[in-house]
Amino acid sequence: MVSEGILLGMGNPLLDISSPVDEEFLKKYEIQLNNAIIADEKHLPMYDELAAKPTVEYIAGGATQNTIRVAQWMLQTPGATSYMGSIGKDKYGEEMKKNAQAYGVNAHYYEVDVPTGTCAVCVTGGERSLVANLAAANHYKPEHLTRPENWALVEKAKYIYIAGFFLTVSPESIMLVAEHAAKNNKVFSMNLSATFICEFYTKAQNDALKFCDYIFGNETEAKKYAEVHKWETGNVEEIALKLAALLKESGRKTAVITQGADPVIVAHDGKVTKYPVILLPQEKIVDTNGAGDAFVGGFLSQLVQEKSMEECVRAGCYAANVIIQRSGCTYPEKPDFN
């Protein structure tokens, strides 16, 4: 059994509005598959258009929240995980609160007078394009984090995970938690999350990386990070080693890079290990939305139990495998992982 609140996540809670779309839709809104962006004016009509589709589904999402939900599902210990982020005082916000409770996550949301954030999940041939309208999620403030009842979650946690997307919202909150983790020898981890984070939030990302024990990402994000920092290599193994070298001076310093159907690359202590993933025939893949988040959730569910790297990666691959065979970041009632 793991202790209550052992894993804490902070991020941008978004309600996913998910539906299959055609190539025309992608062209109309100038969006690309396997990409995540923040909505601008031209994307705003997209949400109503998706909501009007008979195939639309609403799922509590946001990268960190997905990861925490999956870790909670894998752990099966109510309240093992907690989560903070900002939502609106509206029906989507209520939906989010109900969802978190149903999943056994102890969520302390900061509620603001702005609509709850949404994320358009546009699915074509099993691949997805994400367009986030942060709205309320963009209003998270350190004042919520430092309230005694919320800071208590930070104190209780031994492992903390924050997706890179939160760098666009509250880098101060990230640093408060990162510094606490460093001072108290807790495990702090983040995710590269998206190419635009690597490209446009470089300083905030690099400041946070110095406090990380683990950094996660996929090969596209890793290559973008290398390009932005002029590392002059597209070799993902080399990039993973260089990323690991940037992390906090602890015995942990590990970069974990997923590559879709190709092996997971883990760089630690100047060495790279490759772990094969569970391959699925194309017809079984329903939707890759949340696959990366689920991988991290599975990984962390074993890390908090101090399992080996091999077990952590195996659990990550298992969770991602379950999620891509379903619509959105959803899962059956109980995991079948042993």
C-alpha atoms as a PDB file:
ATOM      1  CA  MET A   1       0.000   0.000   0.000  1.00  0.00           C
ATOM      2  CA  VAL A   2       1.212   3.515  -0.778  1.00  0.00           C
ATOM      3  CA  SER A   3       0.699   6.425   1.607  1.00  0.00           C
ATOM      4  CA  GLU A   4      -2.068   8.964   1.109  1.00  0.00           C
ATOM      5  CA  GLY A   5      -1.074  11.905  -1.099  1.00  0.00           C
ATOM      6  CA  ILE A   6       2.289  10.368  -2.038  1.00  0.00           C
ATOM      7  CA  LEU A   7       2.042  11.828  -5.581  1.00  0.00           C
ATOM      8  CA  LEU A   8       1.065  15.433  -6.340  1.00  0.00           C
ATOM      9  CA  GLY A   9       0.405  16.933  -9.765  1.00  0.00           C
ATOM     10  CA  MET A  10      -0.089  20.580 -10.744  1.00  0.00           C
ATOM     11  CA  GLY A  11      -1.242  21.739 -14.140  1.00  0.00           C
ATOM     12  CA  ASN A  12      -3.909  23.083 -16.467  1.00  0.00           C
ATOM     13  CA  PRO A  13      -7.226  21.258 -15.971  1.00  0.00           C
ATOM     14  CA  LEU A  14      -9.082  21.236 -19.292  1.00  0.00           C
ATOM     15  CA  LEU A  15     -12.284  19.565 -20.362  1.00  0.00           C
ATOM     16  CA  ASP A  16     -11.464  17.610 -23.538  1.00  0.00           C
ATOM     17  CA  ILE A  17     -14.029  18.063 -26.315  1.00  0.00           C
ATOM     18  CA  SER A  18     -13.141  15.120 -28.498  1.00  0.00           C
ATOM     19  CA  SER A  19     -14.418  13.951 -31.878  1.00  0.00           C
ATOM     20  CA  PRO A  20     -13.243  12.354 -35.109  1.00  0.00           C
ATOM     21  CA  VAL A  21     -12.777  14.996 -37.822  1.00  0.00           C
ATOM     22  CA  ASP A  22     -11.813  14.927 -41.511  1.00  0.00           C
ATOM     23  CA  GLU A  23      -8.827  16.416 -43.378  1.00  0.00           C
ATOM     24  CA  GLU A  24     -11.011  19.392 -44.384  1.00  0.00           C
ATOM     25  CA  PHE A  25     -11.489  20.314 -40.729  1.00  0.00           C
ATOM     26  CA  LEU A  26      -7.716  20.198 -40.106  1.00  0.00           C
ATOM     27  CA  LYS A  27      -7.102  22.421 -43.152  1.00  0.00           C
ATOM     28  CA  LYS A  28      -9.879  24.855 -42.235  1.00  0.00           C
ATOM     29  CA  TYR A  29      -8.345  25.542 -38.821  1.00  0.00           C
ATOM     30  CA  GLU A  30      -4.711  25.147 -39.985  1.00  0.00           C
ATOM     31  CA  ILE A  31      -3.872  22.456 -37.433  1.00  0.00           C
ATOM     32  CA  GLN A  32      -1.548  19.467 -37.693  1.00  0.00           C
ATOM     33  CA  LEU A  33      -1.791  15.927 -36.372  1.00  0.00           C
ATOM     34  CA  ASN A  34       0.438  14.876 -33.438  1.00  0.00           C
ATOM     35  CA  ASN A  35       0.750  18.458 -32.333  1.00  0.00           C
ATOM     36  CA  ALA A  36      -0.454  20.544 -29.381  1.00  0.00           C
ATOM     37  CA  ILE A  37      -1.016  24.298 -29.599  1.00  0.00           C
ATOM     38  CA  ILE A  38      -2.743  27.094 -27.688  1.00  0.00           C
ATOM     39  CA  ALA A  39      -5.862  28.426 -29.432  1.00  0.00           C
ATOM     40  CA  ASP A  40      -5.878  31.878 -30.987  1.00  0.00           C
ATOM     41  CA  GLU A  41      -8.830  33.829 -32.443  1.00  0.00           C
ATOM     42  CA  LYS A  42      -9.119  31.737 -35.618  1.00  0.00           C
ATOM     43  CA  HIS A  43      -9.524  28.519 -33.610  1.00  0.00           C
ATOM     44  CA  LEU A  44     -12.364  29.658 -31.336  1.00  0.00           C
ATOM     45  CA  PRO A  45     -15.310  28.586 -33.598  1.00  0.00           C
ATOM     46  CA  MET A  46     -13.811  25.065 -33.573  1.00  0.00           C
ATOM     47  CA  TYR A  47     -15.176  24.278 -30.100  1.00  0.00           C
ATOM     48  CA  ASP A  48     -18.827  24.816 -31.063  1.00  0.00           C
ATOM     49  CA  GLU A  49     -18.300  22.948 -34.316  1.00  0.00           C
ATOM     50  CA  LEU A  50     -16.901  19.934 -32.431  1.00  0.00           C
ATOM     51  CA  ALA A  51     -19.636  20.159 -29.770  1.00  0.00           C
ATOM     52  CA  ALA A  52     -22.286  19.979 -32.518  1.00  0.00           C
ATOM     53  CA  LYS A  53     -20.944  16.676 -33.879  1.00  0.00           C
ATOM     54  CA  PRO A  54     -22.954  13.558 -32.960  1.00  0.00           C
ATOM     55  CA  THR A  55     -19.642  11.804 -32.181  1.00  0.00           C
ATOM     56  CA  VAL A  56     -18.515  14.361 -29.557  1.00  0.00           C
ATOM     57  CA  GLU A  57     -17.308  13.194 -26.129  1.00  0.00           C
ATOM     58  CA  TYR A  58     -16.431  15.228 -23.012  1.00  0.00           C
ATOM     59  CA  ILE A  59     -13.573  13.911 -20.858  1.00  0.00           C
ATOM     60  CA  ALA A  60     -11.782  15.590 -17.911  1.00  0.00           C
ATOM     61  CA  GLY A  61      -8.307  16.251 -19.258  1.00  0.00           C
ATOM     62  CA  GLY A  62      -5.263  18.472 -19.283  1.00  0.00           C
ATOM     63  CA  ALA A  63      -1.876  16.732 -19.472  1.00  0.00           C
ATOM     64  CA  THR A  64      -0.961  16.610 -15.769  1.00  0.00           C
ATOM     65  CA  GLN A  65      -4.490  15.727 -14.702  1.00  0.00           C
ATOM     66  CA  ASN A  66      -4.467  12.813 -17.192  1.00  0.00           C
ATOM     67  CA  THR A  67      -1.172  11.562 -15.764  1.00  0.00           C
ATOM     68  CA  ILE A  68      -2.391  11.811 -12.168  1.00  0.00           C
ATOM     69  CA  ARG A  69      -5.683  10.053 -13.007  1.00  0.00           C
ATOM     70  CA  VAL A  70      -3.798   7.178 -14.683  1.00  0.00           C
ATOM     71  CA  ALA A  71      -1.353   6.863 -11.760  1.00  0.00           C
ATOM     72  CA  GLN A  72      -4.334   6.802  -9.381  1.00  0.00           C
ATOM     73  CA  TRP A  73      -6.010   4.086 -11.487  1.00  0.00           C
ATOM     74  CA  MET A  74      -2.834   1.990 -11.522  1.00  0.00           C
ATOM     75  CA  LEU A  75      -2.356   2.385  -7.753  1.00  0.00           C
ATOM     76  CA  GLN A  76      -5.976   1.621  -6.786  1.00  0.00           C
ATOM     77  CA  THR A  77      -5.446   3.273  -3.366  1.00  0.00           C
ATOM     78  CA  PRO A  78      -8.041   6.059  -2.903  1.00  0.00           C
ATOM     79  CA  GLY A  79      -6.384   9.429  -2.265  1.00  0.00           C
ATOM     80  CA  ALA A  80      -2.870   8.224  -3.158  1.00  0.00           C
ATOM     81  CA  THR A  81      -2.684  11.168  -5.569  1.00  0.00           C
ATOM     82  CA  SER A  82      -3.600  14.836  -5.355  1.00  0.00           C
ATOM     83  CA  TYR A  83      -3.861  17.594  -7.937  1.00  0.00           C
ATOM     84  CA  MET A  84      -4.080  21.386  -8.189  1.00  0.00           C
ATOM     85  CA  GLY A  85      -5.085  23.661 -11.042  1.00  0.00           C
ATOM     86  CA  SER A  86      -7.583  26.395 -11.873  1.00  0.00           C
ATOM     87  CA  ILE A  87     -11.178  25.934 -13.093  1.00  0.00           C
ATOM     88  CA  GLY A  88     -14.224  28.164 -13.629  1.00  0.00           C
ATOM     89  CA  LYS A  89     -17.355  28.342 -11.505  1.00  0.00           C
ATOM     90  CA  ASP A  90     -19.478  26.768 -14.241  1.00  0.00           C
ATOM     91  CA  LYS A  91     -20.978  23.468 -15.397  1.00  0.00           C
ATOM     92  CA  TYR A  92     -17.680  22.296 -16.933  1.00  0.00           C
ATOM     93  CA  GLY A  93     -15.937  23.074 -13.632  1.00  0.00           C
ATOM     94  CA  GLU A  94     -18.580  21.072 -11.728  1.00  0.00           C
ATOM     95  CA  GLU A  95     -18.060  18.212 -14.214  1.00  0.00           C
ATOM     96  CA  MET A  96     -14.329  18.354 -13.519  1.00  0.00           C
ATOM     97  CA  LYS A  97     -14.834  18.175  -9.732  1.00  0.00           C
ATOM     98  CA  LYS A  98     -17.214  15.201 -10.066  1.00  0.00           C
ATOM     99  CA  ASN A  99     -14.745  13.466 -12.368  1.00  0.00           C
ATOM    100  CA  ALA A 100     -11.764  13.874 -10.028  1.00  0.00           C
ATOM    101  CA  GLN A 101     -13.783  12.559  -7.096  1.00  0.00           C
ATOM    102  CA  ALA A 102     -15.008   9.556  -9.087  1.00  0.00           C
ATOM    103  CA  TYR A 103     -11.402   8.725 -10.040  1.00  0.00           C
ATOM    104  CA  GLY A 104     -10.183   8.869  -6.427  1.00  0.00           C
ATOM    105  CA  VAL A 105      -7.923  11.894  -6.980  1.00  0.00           C
ATOM    106  CA  ASN A 106      -7.839  14.467  -4.162  1.00  0.00           C
ATOM    107  CA  ALA A 107      -8.254  17.619  -6.279  1.00  0.00           C
ATOM    108  CA  HIS A 108      -7.936  21.084  -4.770  1.00  0.00           C
ATOM    109  CA  TYR A 109      -9.056  23.391  -7.591  1.00  0.00           C
ATOM    110  CA  TYR A 110      -8.607  27.152  -7.586  1.00  0.00           C
ATOM    111  CA  GLU A 111     -12.048  28.403  -8.695  1.00  0.00           C
ATOM    112  CA  VAL A 112     -12.137  31.671 -10.641  1.00  0.00           C
ATOM    113  CA  ASP A 113     -14.770  33.796 -12.442  1.00  0.00           C
ATOM    114  CA  VAL A 114     -13.604  32.737 -15.907  1.00  0.00           C
ATOM    115  CA  PRO A 115     -14.991  29.815 -17.972  1.00  0.00           C
ATOM    116  CA  THR A 116     -13.334  26.427 -17.380  1.00  0.00           C
ATOM    117  CA  GLY A 117     -10.608  25.681 -19.925  1.00  0.00           C
ATOM    118  CA  THR A 118     -11.310  23.341 -22.827  1.00  0.00           C
ATOM    119  CA  CYS A 119      -9.175  21.374 -25.244  1.00  0.00           C
ATOM    120  CA  ALA A 120     -10.309  20.473 -28.740  1.00  0.00           C
ATOM    121  CA  VAL A 121      -9.180  16.914 -29.479  1.00  0.00           C
ATOM    122  CA  CYS A 122      -9.409  16.437 -33.239  1.00  0.00           C
ATOM    123  CA  VAL A 123      -8.947  12.785 -34.174  1.00  0.00           C
ATOM    124  CA  THR A 124      -8.145  11.539 -37.682  1.00  0.00           C
ATOM    125  CA  GLY A 125      -7.110   7.940 -38.390  1.00  0.00           C
ATOM    126  CA  GLY A 126      -6.187   7.321 -34.760  1.00  0.00           C
ATOM    127  CA  GLU A 127      -3.851  10.367 -34.625  1.00  0.00           C
ATOM    128  CA  ARG A 128      -4.788  13.511 -32.729  1.00  0.00           C
ATOM    129  CA  SER A 129      -4.331  17.275 -32.844  1.00  0.00           C
ATOM    130  CA  LEU A 130      -4.845  19.246 -29.624  1.00  0.00           C
ATOM    131  CA  VAL A 131      -5.931  22.874 -29.440  1.00  0.00           C
ATOM    132  CA  ALA A 132      -6.170  24.221 -25.888  1.00  0.00           C
ATOM    133  CA  ASN A 133      -8.259  27.215 -24.881  1.00  0.00           C
ATOM    134  CA  LEU A 134      -6.823  27.667 -21.383  1.00  0.00           C
ATOM    135  CA  ALA A 135      -9.392  30.208 -20.094  1.00  0.00           C
ATOM    136  CA  ALA A 136      -9.661  29.564 -16.302  1.00  0.00           C
ATOM    137  CA  ALA A 137      -6.606  27.261 -16.339  1.00  0.00           C
ATOM    138  CA  ASN A 138      -4.532  30.325 -17.267  1.00  0.00           C
ATOM    139  CA  HIS A 139      -5.417  32.053 -13.972  1.00  0.00           C
ATOM    140  CA  TYR A 140      -3.666  29.821 -11.447  1.00  0.00           C
ATOM    141  CA  LYS A 141      -1.832  31.861  -8.787  1.00  0.00           C
ATOM    142  CA  PRO A 142       0.746  31.036  -6.088  1.00  0.00           C
ATOM    143  CA  GLU A 143      -1.701  32.514  -3.554  1.00  0.00           C
ATOM    144  CA  HIS A 144      -3.830  29.355  -3.961  1.00  0.00           C
ATOM    145  CA  LEU A 145      -0.810  27.069  -3.622  1.00  0.00           C
ATOM    146  CA  THR A 146       0.403  28.711  -0.413  1.00  0.00           C
ATOM    147  CA  ARG A 147      -2.932  28.477   1.437  1.00  0.00           C
ATOM    148  CA  PRO A 148      -2.338  26.097   4.373  1.00  0.00           C
ATOM    149  CA  GLU A 149      -4.853  23.462   3.184  1.00  0.00           C
ATOM    150  CA  ASN A 150      -3.180  23.361  -0.258  1.00  0.00           C
ATOM    151  CA  TRP A 151       0.440  23.625   0.839  1.00  0.00           C
ATOM    152  CA  ALA A 152      -0.366  20.616   3.082  1.00  0.00           C
ATOM    153  CA  LEU A 153      -0.649  18.564  -0.157  1.00  0.00           C
ATOM    154  CA  VAL A 154       2.874  19.658  -1.103  1.00  0.00           C
ATOM    155  CA  GLU A 155       4.176  18.768   2.375  1.00  0.00           C
ATOM    156  CA  LYS A 156       2.527  15.337   2.226  1.00  0.00           C
ATOM    157  CA  ALA A 157       3.750  14.426  -1.271  1.00  0.00           C
ATOM    158  CA  LYS A 158       7.024  12.558  -1.751  1.00  0.00           C
ATOM    159  CA  TYR A 159       6.798  12.713  -5.559  1.00  0.00           C
ATOM    160  CA  ILE A 160       5.712  15.756  -7.575  1.00  0.00           C
ATOM    161  CA  TYR A 161       4.940  15.896 -11.302  1.00  0.00           C
ATOM    162  CA  ILE A 162       4.171  18.947 -13.457  1.00  0.00           C
ATOM    163  CA  ALA A 163       3.732  18.956 -17.249  1.00  0.00           C
ATOM    164  CA  GLY A 164       5.636  21.637 -19.173  1.00  0.00           C
ATOM    165  CA  PHE A 165       2.349  23.298 -20.180  1.00  0.00           C
ATOM    166  CA  PHE A 166       2.099  24.800 -16.669  1.00  0.00           C
ATOM    167  CA  LEU A 167       5.209  26.909 -17.467  1.00  0.00           C
ATOM    168  CA  THR A 168       2.920  29.121 -19.583  1.00  0.00           C
ATOM    169  CA  VAL A 169       0.664  29.774 -16.564  1.00  0.00           C
ATOM    170  CA  SER A 170       2.517  29.916 -13.247  1.00  0.00           C
ATOM    171  CA  PRO A 171       6.287  29.426 -13.321  1.00  0.00           C
ATOM    172  CA  GLU A 172       6.359  30.948  -9.784  1.00  0.00           C
ATOM    173  CA  SER A 173       4.185  28.114  -8.462  1.00  0.00           C
ATOM    174  CA  ILE A 174       6.451  25.575 -10.173  1.00  0.00           C
ATOM    175  CA  MET A 175       9.549  27.078  -8.567  1.00  0.00           C
ATOM    176  CA  LEU A 176       7.982  27.166  -5.084  1.00  0.00           C
ATOM    177  CA  VAL A 177       7.261  23.443  -5.326  1.00  0.00           C
ATOM    178  CA  ALA A 178      10.582  22.614  -7.043  1.00  0.00           C
ATOM    179  CA  GLU A 179      12.582  24.384  -4.320  1.00  0.00           C
ATOM    180  CA  HIS A 180      10.571  22.616  -1.601  1.00  0.00           C
ATOM    181  CA  ALA A 181      11.316  19.256  -3.282  1.00  0.00           C
ATOM    182  CA  ALA A 182      15.048  20.027  -3.502  1.00  0.00           C
ATOM    183  CA  LYS A 183      15.228  21.094   0.147  1.00  0.00           C
ATOM    184  CA  ASN A 184      13.366  18.018   1.373  1.00  0.00           C
ATOM    185  CA  ASN A 185      14.950  15.407  -0.921  1.00  0.00           C
ATOM    186  CA  LYS A 186      11.676  14.721  -2.732  1.00  0.00           C
ATOM    187  CA  VAL A 187      11.418  13.513  -6.322  1.00  0.00           C
ATOM    188  CA  PHE A 188      10.468  16.311  -8.735  1.00  0.00           C
ATOM    189  CA  SER A 189       9.679  15.567 -12.380  1.00  0.00           C
ATOM    190  CA  MET A 190       8.460  17.440 -15.427  1.00  0.00           C
ATOM    191  CA  ASN A 191       7.627  16.894 -19.085  1.00  0.00           C
ATOM    192  CA  LEU A 192       8.901  18.750 -22.177  1.00  0.00           C
ATOM    193  CA  SER A 193       5.209  18.538 -23.237  1.00  0.00           C
ATOM    194  CA  ALA A 194       5.238  20.329 -26.614  1.00  0.00           C
ATOM    195  CA  THR A 195       7.607  21.814 -29.162  1.00  0.00           C
ATOM    196  CA  PHE A 196       6.234  25.328 -28.560  1.00  0.00           C
ATOM    197  CA  ILE A 197       7.220  25.102 -24.877  1.00  0.00           C
ATOM    198  CA  CYS A 198      10.798  24.180 -25.851  1.00  0.00           C
ATOM    199  CA  GLU A 199      10.857  27.025 -28.356  1.00  0.00           C
ATOM    200  CA  PHE A 200       9.106  29.932 -26.614  1.00  0.00           C
ATOM    201  CA  TYR A 201       9.396  29.241 -22.869  1.00  0.00           C
ATOM    202  CA  THR A 202      13.101  28.433 -22.873  1.00  0.00           C
ATOM    203  CA  LYS A 203      14.190  30.358 -19.792  1.00  0.00           C
ATOM    204  CA  ALA A 204      11.337  29.175 -17.562  1.00  0.00           C
ATOM    205  CA  GLN A 205      11.856  25.599 -18.803  1.00  0.00           C
ATOM    206  CA  ASN A 206      15.597  25.651 -18.164  1.00  0.00           C
ATOM    207  CA  ASP A 207      15.163  27.188 -14.698  1.00  0.00           C
ATOM    208  CA  ALA A 208      12.783  24.351 -13.791  1.00  0.00           C
ATOM    209  CA  LEU A 209      14.932  21.599 -15.355  1.00  0.00           C
ATOM    210  CA  LYS A 210      17.722  22.334 -12.862  1.00  0.00           C
ATOM    211  CA  PHE A 211      15.342  21.146 -10.125  1.00  0.00           C
ATOM    212  CA  CYS A 212      14.133  17.979 -11.901  1.00  0.00           C
ATOM    213  CA  ASP A 213      15.118  14.425 -11.008  1.00  0.00           C
ATOM    214  CA  TYR A 214      13.233  13.066 -14.051  1.00  0.00           C
ATOM    215  CA  ILE A 215      12.373  14.694 -17.365  1.00  0.00           C
ATOM    216  CA  PHE A 216       9.884  13.042 -19.734  1.00  0.00           C
ATOM    217  CA  GLY A 217       9.131  13.827 -23.368  1.00  0.00           C
ATOM    218  CA  ASN A 218       8.702  12.362 -26.826  1.00  0.00           C
ATOM    219  CA  GLU A 219      11.241  12.284 -29.640  1.00  0.00           C
ATOM    220  CA  THR A 220       9.776  15.318 -31.475  1.00  0.00           C
ATOM    221  CA  GLU A 221       9.988  17.486 -28.332  1.00  0.00           C
ATOM    222  CA  ALA A 222      13.491  16.215 -27.530  1.00  0.00           C
ATOM    223  CA  LYS A 223      14.700  17.084 -31.044  1.00  0.00           C
ATOM    224  CA  LYS A 224      13.118  20.536 -30.826  1.00  0.00           C
ATOM    225  CA  TYR A 225      14.845  21.148 -27.463  1.00  0.00           C
ATOM    226  CA  ALA A 226      18.184  20.135 -29.031  1.00  0.00           C
ATOM    227  CA  GLU A 227      17.587  22.392 -32.038  1.00  0.00           C
ATOM    228  CA  VAL A 228      16.676  25.427 -29.877  1.00  0.00           C
ATOM    229  CA  HIS A 229      19.838  24.891 -27.787  1.00  0.00           C
ATOM    230  CA  LYS A 230      22.011  24.377 -30.888  1.00  0.00           C
ATOM    231  CA  TRP A 231      23.178  20.907 -29.843  1.00  0.00           C
ATOM    232  CA  GLU A 232      23.627  20.018 -33.521  1.00  0.00           C
ATOM    233  CA  THR A 233      22.382  16.465 -33.165  1.00  0.00           C
ATOM    234  CA  GLY A 234      19.113  14.788 -34.095  1.00  0.00           C
ATOM    235  CA  ASN A 235      20.156  11.560 -32.377  1.00  0.00           C
ATOM    236  CA  VAL A 236      17.553  10.972 -29.663  1.00  0.00           C
ATOM    237  CA  GLU A 237      19.907   8.865 -27.510  1.00  0.00           C
ATOM    238  CA  GLU A 238      22.525  11.644 -27.479  1.00  0.00           C
ATOM    239  CA  ILE A 239      19.836  14.235 -26.729  1.00  0.00           C
ATOM    240  CA  ALA A 240      18.488  12.126 -23.843  1.00  0.00           C
ATOM    241  CA  LEU A 241      21.984  11.922 -22.311  1.00  0.00           C
ATOM    242  CA  LYS A 242      22.444  15.699 -22.622  1.00  0.00           C
ATOM    243  CA  LEU A 243      18.999  16.326 -21.094  1.00  0.00           C
ATOM    244  CA  ALA A 244      19.746  14.036 -18.150  1.00  0.00           C
ATOM    245  CA  ALA A 245      23.000  15.924 -17.538  1.00  0.00           C
ATOM    246  CA  LEU A 246      21.046  19.198 -17.065  1.00  0.00           C
ATOM    247  CA  LEU A 247      18.976  17.883 -14.161  1.00  0.00           C
ATOM    248  CA  LYS A 248      19.267  18.331 -10.395  1.00  0.00           C
ATOM    249  CA  GLU A 249      22.437  16.999  -8.799  1.00  0.00           C
ATOM    250  CA  SER A 250      20.831  13.964  -7.207  1.00  0.00           C
ATOM    251  CA  GLY A 251      21.522  10.307  -7.760  1.00  0.00           C
ATOM    252  CA  ARG A 252      18.411  10.187  -9.935  1.00  0.00           C
ATOM    253  CA  LYS A 253      19.017  12.473 -13.000  1.00  0.00           C
ATOM    254  CA  THR A 254      17.022  10.527 -15.600  1.00  0.00           C
ATOM    255  CA  ALA A 255      15.614  11.458 -19.022  1.00  0.00           C
ATOM    256  CA  VAL A 256      12.817   9.243 -20.377  1.00  0.00           C
ATOM    257  CA  ILE A 257      11.958   9.750 -24.053  1.00  0.00           C
ATOM    258  CA  THR A 258       9.112   7.893 -25.768  1.00  0.00           C
ATOM    259  CA  GLN A 259       9.106   7.341 -29.529  1.00  0.00           C
ATOM    260  CA  GLY A 260       5.623   6.077 -30.412  1.00  0.00           C
ATOM    261  CA  ALA A 261       6.000   2.477 -31.594  1.00  0.00           C
ATOM    262  CA  ASP A 262       9.824   2.602 -31.274  1.00  0.00           C
ATOM    263  CA  PRO A 263      11.644   1.721 -28.027  1.00  0.00           C
ATOM    264  CA  VAL A 264      11.533   4.011 -24.998  1.00  0.00           C
ATOM    265  CA  ILE A 265      14.930   5.635 -24.395  1.00  0.00           C
ATOM    266  CA  VAL A 266      16.106   6.048 -20.805  1.00  0.00           C
ATOM    267  CA  ALA A 267      19.287   8.028 -20.103  1.00  0.00           C
ATOM    268  CA  HIS A 268      20.786   7.789 -16.631  1.00  0.00           C
ATOM    269  CA  ASP A 269      24.318   8.002 -15.284  1.00  0.00           C
ATOM    270  CA  GLY A 270      25.882   8.517 -18.727  1.00  0.00           C
ATOM    271  CA  LYS A 271      24.260   5.357 -20.120  1.00  0.00           C
ATOM    272  CA  VAL A 272      21.293   4.781 -22.428  1.00  0.00           C
ATOM    273  CA  THR A 273      18.940   1.810 -22.098  1.00  0.00           C
ATOM    274  CA  LYS A 274      16.243   1.039 -24.667  1.00  0.00           C
ATOM    275  CA  TYR A 275      12.980  -0.649 -23.694  1.00  0.00           C
ATOM    276  CA  PRO A 276      10.670  -2.079 -26.368  1.00  0.00           C
ATOM    277  CA  VAL A 277       7.005  -1.036 -26.306  1.00  0.00           C
ATOM    278  CA  ILE A 278       3.947  -3.262 -26.690  1.00  0.00           C
ATOM    279  CA  LEU A 279       3.126  -3.138 -30.401  1.00  0.00           C
ATOM    280  CA  LEU A 280      -0.510  -2.957 -31.517  1.00  0.00           C
ATOM    281  CA  PRO A 281      -1.973  -3.537 -34.985  1.00  0.00           C
ATOM    282  CA  GLN A 282      -3.182  -0.227 -36.491  1.00  0.00           C
ATOM    283  CA  GLU A 283      -6.846  -1.344 -36.425  1.00  0.00           C
ATOM    284  CA  LYS A 284      -6.744  -1.590 -32.616  1.00  0.00           C
ATOM    285  CA  ILE A 285      -5.579   2.007 -32.199  1.00  0.00           C
ATOM    286  CA  VAL A 286      -8.639   4.163 -31.533  1.00  0.00           C
ATOM    287  CA  ASP A 287      -6.987   7.442 -30.556  1.00  0.00           C
ATOM    288  CA  THR A 288      -3.497   8.416 -29.352  1.00  0.00           C
ATOM    289  CA  ASN A 289      -4.768  11.354 -27.260  1.00  0.00           C
ATOM    290  CA  GLY A 290      -3.334  11.008 -23.759  1.00  0.00           C
ATOM    291  CA  ALA A 291      -0.888   8.207 -24.652  1.00  0.00           C
ATOM    292  CA  GLY A 292       2.141  10.205 -23.461  1.00  0.00           C
ATOM    293  CA  ASP A 293       0.317  11.341 -20.317  1.00  0.00           C
ATOM    294  CA  ALA A 294      -0.735   7.758 -19.605  1.00  0.00           C
ATOM    295  CA  PHE A 295       2.832   6.507 -20.071  1.00  0.00           C
ATOM    296  CA  VAL A 296       4.026   8.931 -17.370  1.00  0.00           C
ATOM    297  CA  GLY A 297       1.101   7.959 -15.104  1.00  0.00           C
ATOM    298  CA  GLY A 298       1.974   4.273 -15.375  1.00  0.00           C
ATOM    299  CA  PHE A 299       5.671   5.014 -14.856  1.00  0.00           C
ATOM    300  CA  LEU A 300       5.059   7.144 -11.744  1.00  0.00           C
ATOM    301  CA  SER A 301       2.677   4.537 -10.261  1.00  0.00           C
ATOM    302  CA  GLN A 302       5.657   2.189  -9.940  1.00  0.00           C
ATOM    303  CA  LEU A 303       8.263   4.864  -9.144  1.00  0.00           C
ATOM    304  CA  VAL A 304       6.328   5.873  -6.007  1.00  0.00           C
ATOM    305  CA  GLN A 305       6.569   2.212  -4.948  1.00  0.00           C
ATOM    306  CA  GLU A 306      10.344   2.329  -5.525  1.00  0.00           C
ATOM    307  CA  LYS A 307      10.197  -0.301  -8.282  1.00  0.00           C
ATOM    308  CA  SER A 308      13.016  -0.819 -10.812  1.00  0.00           C
ATOM    309  CA  MET A 309      13.370   1.286 -13.965  1.00  0.00           C
ATOM    310  CA  GLU A 310      12.344  -1.735 -16.033  1.00  0.00           C
ATOM    311  CA  GLU A 311       9.081  -2.046 -14.046  1.00  0.00           C
ATOM    312  CA  CYS A 312       8.406   1.692 -14.282  1.00  0.00           C
ATOM    313  CA  VAL A 313       8.793   1.630 -18.082  1.00  0.00           C
ATOM    314  CA  ARG A 314       6.768  -1.594 -18.383  1.00  0.00           C
ATOM    315  CA  ALA A 315       3.905   0.009 -16.410  1.00  0.00           C
ATOM    316  CA  GLY A 316       4.166   3.155 -18.560  1.00  0.00           C
ATOM    317  CA  CYS A 317       3.908   1.098 -21.752  1.00  0.00           C
ATOM    318  CA  TYR A 318       1.015  -0.913 -20.308  1.00  0.00           C
ATOM    319  CA  ALA A 319      -0.975   2.233 -19.409  1.00  0.00           C
ATOM    320  CA  ALA A 320      -0.317   3.895 -22.789  1.00  0.00           C
ATOM    321  CA  ASN A 321      -1.348   0.676 -24.522  1.00  0.00           C
ATOM    322  CA  VAL A 322      -4.693   0.610 -22.679  1.00  0.00           C
ATOM    323  CA  ILE A 323      -5.422   4.266 -23.392  1.00  0.00           C
ATOM    324  CA  ILE A 324      -4.780   4.180 -27.168  1.00  0.00           C
ATOM    325  CA  GLN A 325      -7.335   1.388 -27.561  1.00  0.00           C
ATOM    326  CA  ARG A 326     -10.044   3.660 -26.134  1.00  0.00           C
ATOM    327  CA  SER A 327     -11.448   7.074 -26.937  1.00  0.00           C
ATOM    328  CA  GLY A 328      -9.715   9.857 -24.964  1.00  0.00           C
ATOM    329  CA  CYS A 329      -7.670   9.307 -21.834  1.00  0.00           C
ATOM    330  CA  THR A 330     -10.048   6.731 -20.354  1.00  0.00           C
ATOM    331  CA  TYR A 331      -9.580   3.229 -18.961  1.00  0.00           C
ATOM    332  CA  PRO A 332     -11.510   0.192 -17.660  1.00  0.00           C
ATOM    333  CA  GLU A 333     -12.502   0.000 -14.002  1.00  0.00           C
ATOM    334  CA  LYS A 334      -9.370  -1.857 -12.854  1.00  0.00           C
ATOM    335  CA  PRO A 335      -5.907  -2.307 -14.362  1.00  0.00           C
ATOM    336  CA  ASP A 336      -4.736  -5.727 -15.437  1.00  0.00           C
ATOM    337  CA  PHE A 337      -1.051  -5.088 -14.706  1.00  0.00           C
ATOM    338  CA  ASN A 338       1.048  -7.448 -12.645  1.00  0.00           C
END
